[in-house]
Protein backbone atom coordinates (compact mmCIF):
# COMPACT_ATOMS: atom_id res chain seq x y z
CA MET A 1 69.17 234.84 79.34
CA ARG A 2 70.92 232.08 77.41
CA LYS A 3 71.06 234.26 74.30
CA ASN A 4 72.75 237.01 76.32
CA ILE A 5 75.34 234.56 77.63
CA ARG A 6 76.00 233.24 74.12
CA GLU A 7 76.43 236.77 72.85
CA ILE A 8 78.89 237.62 75.63
CA ILE A 9 80.88 234.49 74.87
CA ARG A 10 80.87 235.29 71.13
CA GLN A 11 82.25 238.75 71.83
CA ASN A 12 84.80 237.49 74.38
CA VAL A 13 86.29 234.30 72.99
CA TRP A 14 88.94 234.33 75.73
CA LEU A 15 86.23 233.21 78.19
CA LYS A 16 86.52 229.72 76.72
CA LYS A 17 90.11 229.60 77.97
CA ILE A 18 89.04 229.94 81.61
CA PRO A 19 88.15 226.23 82.15
CA THR A 20 91.56 225.15 80.81
CA THR A 21 93.26 227.71 83.05
CA LEU A 22 91.43 226.30 86.06
CA THR A 23 92.47 222.77 85.08
CA ILE A 24 96.09 223.90 84.97
CA GLY A 25 95.55 225.45 88.40
CA ASN A 26 94.37 222.04 89.60
CA SER A 27 97.57 220.35 88.38
CA LEU A 28 99.76 223.11 89.85
CA CYS A 29 98.14 222.56 93.24
CA GLY A 30 99.05 218.89 93.04
CA PHE A 31 102.60 219.75 92.02
CA GLY A 32 102.83 222.28 94.86
CA ALA A 33 101.57 219.74 97.39
CA ILE A 34 104.22 217.24 96.29
CA LEU A 35 107.03 219.79 96.47
CA TYR A 36 105.94 221.12 99.85
CA SER A 37 105.66 217.64 101.34
CA PHE A 38 109.39 217.16 100.65
CA HIS A 39 110.08 219.88 103.23
CA ALA A 40 109.26 217.17 105.78
CA TYR A 41 112.76 215.76 105.20
CA THR A 42 114.41 219.03 106.25
CA MET A 43 112.12 219.84 109.21
CA PRO A 44 112.36 218.62 112.82
CA LYS A 45 110.12 215.61 113.37
CA ASP A 46 107.66 217.56 115.55
CA LEU A 47 106.98 219.98 112.65
CA VAL A 48 106.44 217.27 110.03
CA PRO A 49 102.68 216.83 110.74
CA SER A 50 102.02 220.52 110.07
CA VAL A 51 103.99 220.35 106.81
CA LEU A 52 101.98 217.35 105.62
CA ALA A 53 98.73 218.96 106.77
CA LEU A 54 99.43 222.01 104.63
CA SER A 55 100.17 219.77 101.65
CA ALA A 56 96.83 218.06 102.29
CA TYR A 57 95.07 221.44 102.41
CA ILE A 58 96.59 222.30 99.02
CA ILE A 59 95.09 219.13 97.53
CA LEU A 60 91.69 219.92 99.02
CA GLY A 61 91.96 223.43 97.59
CA ALA A 62 92.60 221.92 94.15
CA MET A 63 89.11 220.41 94.33
CA VAL A 64 87.70 223.91 93.89
CA PHE A 65 89.51 224.18 90.55
CA ASP A 66 88.37 220.66 89.64
CA ALA A 67 84.73 221.52 90.32
CA LEU A 68 84.78 224.89 88.57
CA ASP A 69 86.54 223.87 85.35
CA GLY A 70 83.80 221.45 84.30
CA PHE A 71 81.03 223.78 85.44
CA LEU A 72 82.40 226.76 83.51
CA ALA A 73 83.16 224.59 80.48
CA ARG A 74 79.45 223.86 80.26
CA ILE A 75 78.48 227.49 80.91
CA PHE A 76 80.86 228.81 78.24
CA ASN A 77 80.15 225.94 75.85
CA ALA A 78 83.85 225.10 75.95
CA ALA A 79 83.65 221.37 76.66
CA SER A 80 85.96 219.40 74.39
CA MET A 81 87.97 216.19 74.15
CA HIS A 82 91.12 218.22 74.79
CA GLY A 83 89.62 219.64 77.99
CA MET A 84 88.56 216.17 79.14
CA GLN A 85 92.09 214.81 78.67
CA MET A 86 93.55 217.84 80.44
CA ASP A 87 91.20 217.32 83.36
CA SER A 88 92.14 213.66 83.78
CA LEU A 89 95.86 214.43 83.58
CA ALA A 90 95.48 217.14 86.22
CA ASP A 91 93.47 214.78 88.43
CA MET A 92 96.19 212.16 88.07
CA VAL A 93 98.78 214.58 89.43
CA THR A 94 96.65 216.07 92.20
CA PHE A 95 94.45 213.18 93.32
CA GLY A 96 96.72 210.30 92.28
CA VAL A 97 100.40 211.12 92.61
CA ALA A 98 100.25 213.79 95.35
CA PRO A 99 98.34 211.73 97.99
CA ALA A 100 100.56 208.69 97.34
CA VAL A 101 103.69 210.81 97.80
CA ILE A 102 102.37 212.40 101.01
CA VAL A 103 101.54 208.99 102.50
CA SER A 104 105.03 207.71 101.67
CA VAL A 105 106.76 210.81 103.05
CA MET A 106 104.69 210.65 106.23
CA ALA A 107 105.60 207.01 106.83
CA HIS A 108 109.29 207.63 106.19
CA ARG A 109 109.54 210.59 108.55
CA LEU A 110 107.17 209.69 111.38
CA ARG A 111 107.35 205.92 111.58
CA GLU A 112 110.38 203.92 112.63
CA LEU A 113 110.44 201.60 109.63
CA GLN A 114 112.70 198.59 109.79
CA GLY A 115 113.44 195.67 107.51
CA ASN A 116 110.79 195.20 104.86
CA SER A 117 108.36 197.75 106.33
CA PHE A 118 109.34 200.26 103.65
CA TYR A 119 108.21 197.84 100.98
CA PHE A 120 104.73 197.63 102.48
CA VAL A 121 104.35 201.43 102.40
CA TRP A 122 105.62 201.60 98.84
CA LEU A 123 103.30 198.77 97.80
CA MET A 124 100.21 200.44 99.29
CA SER A 125 101.11 203.81 97.75
CA ALA A 126 101.75 202.08 94.40
CA ILE A 127 98.35 200.35 94.57
CA TYR A 128 96.67 203.70 95.23
CA LEU A 129 98.55 205.38 92.38
CA GLY A 130 98.00 202.59 89.88
CA CYS A 131 94.29 202.32 90.65
CA ALA A 132 93.86 206.10 90.29
CA ALA A 133 95.44 205.87 86.83
CA LEU A 134 93.16 202.94 85.88
CA ARG A 135 90.07 204.78 87.08
CA LEU A 136 90.86 207.98 85.21
CA ALA A 137 91.67 206.05 82.03
CA THR A 138 88.35 204.20 82.31
CA TYR A 139 86.53 207.51 82.77
CA ASN A 140 88.13 208.83 79.57
CA VAL A 141 87.09 205.74 77.63
CA HIS A 142 83.50 206.10 78.81
CA ALA A 143 83.49 209.77 77.84
CA ILE A 144 84.89 208.99 74.37
CA LEU A 145 82.24 206.31 73.86
CA GLU A 146 79.66 208.85 75.09
CA LYS A 147 78.25 206.53 77.69
CA LYS A 148 75.56 208.33 79.65
CA SER A 149 76.32 208.72 83.34
CA SER A 150 73.65 208.05 85.94
CA GLY A 151 73.27 209.68 89.30
CA LYS A 152 76.00 207.38 90.66
CA PHE A 153 79.66 206.65 90.04
CA GLN A 154 81.00 203.14 89.53
CA GLY A 155 83.88 202.99 91.95
CA LEU A 156 85.10 205.65 94.34
CA PRO A 157 85.90 208.94 92.53
CA SER A 158 89.59 209.89 92.73
CA PRO A 159 88.85 213.26 94.42
CA GLY A 160 86.91 211.37 97.10
CA ALA A 161 89.84 209.01 97.70
CA ALA A 162 92.26 211.93 97.93
CA ALA A 163 89.90 213.80 100.27
CA ALA A 164 89.74 210.77 102.58
CA ILE A 165 93.54 210.67 102.89
CA CYS A 166 93.94 214.44 103.25
CA SER A 167 91.15 214.81 105.81
CA LEU A 168 92.72 212.20 108.09
CA ILE A 169 96.16 213.78 107.83
CA ILE A 170 94.74 217.21 108.71
CA PHE A 171 92.58 215.90 111.55
CA PHE A 172 95.25 213.87 113.30
CA SER A 173 97.79 216.63 112.78
CA ALA A 174 95.45 219.08 114.54
CA ALA A 175 94.82 216.54 117.30
CA ASN A 176 98.56 215.90 117.80
CA ALA A 177 97.90 212.19 117.47
CA VAL A 178 99.76 211.46 114.25
CA HIS A 179 102.20 208.93 115.74
CA GLU A 180 99.57 206.93 117.61
CA PHE A 181 97.23 206.04 114.78
CA ILE A 182 97.46 207.49 111.32
CA VAL A 183 101.13 206.77 110.61
CA PHE A 184 100.56 203.06 111.10
CA HIS A 185 97.19 202.69 109.39
CA LEU A 186 97.09 205.30 106.60
CA PRO A 187 99.27 203.40 104.06
CA ALA A 188 96.96 200.37 104.30
CA TYR A 189 93.91 202.66 104.03
CA ALA A 190 95.41 204.22 100.90
CA GLY A 191 95.70 200.76 99.34
CA ILE A 192 92.06 200.03 100.17
CA LEU A 193 90.99 203.37 98.67
CA GLY A 194 92.84 202.44 95.50
CA LEU A 195 90.94 199.17 95.19
CA LEU A 196 87.65 200.98 95.82
CA MET A 197 88.42 203.35 92.93
CA VAL A 198 88.54 200.47 90.44
CA SER A 199 85.71 198.47 92.03
CA LYS A 200 82.17 198.22 90.68
CA ILE A 201 80.72 199.59 93.91
CA LYS A 202 78.22 202.39 93.33
CA TYR A 203 78.84 205.82 94.86
CA ILE A 204 76.50 208.79 94.99
CA HIS A 205 77.31 211.62 92.58
CA VAL A 206 77.52 214.43 95.15
CA GLY A 207 77.11 217.20 92.58
CA LYS A 208 73.90 215.74 91.15
CA TRP A 209 72.68 214.96 94.67
CA LEU A 210 73.07 218.61 95.64
CA VAL A 211 71.24 219.75 92.49
CA SER A 212 68.31 217.50 93.42
CA VAL A 213 68.08 218.93 96.95
CA LYS A 214 65.72 221.75 95.98
CA ARG A 215 63.19 219.19 94.69
CA ASN A 216 63.51 216.82 97.64
CA PRO A 217 62.46 218.09 101.12
CA LYS A 218 64.14 215.17 102.91
CA ARG A 219 67.48 215.82 101.23
CA LEU A 220 67.14 219.53 101.93
CA THR A 221 66.56 218.81 105.62
CA ALA A 222 69.55 216.48 105.70
CA LEU A 223 71.73 219.10 104.03
CA LEU A 224 70.67 221.83 106.46
CA PHE A 225 71.34 219.51 109.41
CA PHE A 226 74.78 218.73 108.00
CA LEU A 227 75.56 222.44 107.57
CA VAL A 228 74.60 223.11 111.19
CA LEU A 229 76.92 220.35 112.39
CA LEU A 230 79.64 221.65 110.09
CA TYR A 231 79.31 225.08 111.67
CA ILE A 232 79.62 223.60 115.18
CA ASN A 233 82.75 221.53 114.50
CA PRO A 234 83.97 221.96 110.90
CA LEU A 235 87.03 219.71 111.00
CA LEU A 236 85.52 216.73 112.82
CA VAL A 237 82.29 216.78 110.81
CA ALA A 238 84.14 217.10 107.50
CA VAL A 239 86.42 214.16 108.33
CA VAL A 240 83.51 211.97 109.41
CA ALA A 241 81.42 212.93 106.38
CA ILE A 242 84.20 212.29 103.85
CA ASN A 243 85.17 208.91 105.26
CA ALA A 244 81.52 207.94 105.81
CA TYR A 245 81.03 208.58 102.08
CA VAL A 246 83.90 206.18 101.37
CA LEU A 247 82.37 203.49 103.60
CA LEU A 248 78.82 204.08 102.38
CA GLY A 249 79.51 202.39 99.03
CA PRO A 250 80.71 199.04 100.42
CA VAL A 251 78.05 199.02 103.18
CA THR A 252 75.15 199.62 100.78
CA THR A 253 76.59 197.05 98.37
CA ILE A 254 76.81 194.40 101.11
CA ILE A 255 73.25 195.19 102.23
CA GLY A 256 72.12 194.82 98.60
CA TRP A 257 73.85 191.45 98.33
CA LEU A 258 72.20 190.23 101.53
CA LYS A 259 68.77 191.32 100.35
CA HIS A 260 69.34 189.68 96.98
CA ALA A 261 70.53 186.48 98.67
CA ASP A 262 67.42 186.39 100.86
CA THR A 263 65.03 186.79 97.91
CA PRO A 264 65.16 183.16 96.62
CA TYR A 265 64.70 181.86 100.17
CA VAL A 266 61.69 184.11 100.78
CA GLU A 267 60.14 183.13 97.43
CA ALA A 268 60.71 179.41 98.20
CA VAL A 269 59.06 179.72 101.62
CA SER A 270 56.14 181.63 100.10
CA SER A 271 55.60 178.94 97.46
CA ILE A 272 55.65 176.16 100.09
CA GLU A 273 53.17 177.99 102.30
CA SER A 274 50.81 178.58 99.39
């Protein structure tokens, strides 16, 4: 089977261009999301949430390109340093710049900002953007040094951070509750997501987790249960799952710290009792 694939690739060299084309598609989605979000300045205020929601959908759609380019690069034996740099640059546009712009536009159009309130929104968006850049640069360094990756990420992946922002925008836009909650809290959440991206908190590698499902009955059961819930209420379940993933890293880290802190005490008590 592998020999057949290699032969097809040898006879059709253009197949190796597909991953790069998908990466460009990723960056174009980010660019499109930024441009479309600017329509919020020309729309009536009641239509702004739908404009921002569509921009958020475009970013989520870019994740398909982001997932496929690496997968096909491995299939077509087209992985290269050039492709890695292209991928990080595209991720910077789509998962770094675009979400920060959407958060800023949303706050400007839907929130009555006065005094120094603008500066807070800009600061939180800048933190998100800067941390996304730092994370992607660190990823490139690790790849150049050929550091082996485990089944977990160090820090929140930039697509996960972007998905958290986009899912909340889409959900509250559909619920017609944008003014009441998300406009006030989302800029601060974006800043927190930025810090999580450059933290040392461990996050599950979703792709590798899914690959391991077929060998793990418990994970397979959990996945099937999730798919059933997703079928019942796709939007709500997706929003909860994405943001639960974001919170899972800090929660498991805190639990690990507490367990580690209890260990010396337990050992001391055991030694006294013996």
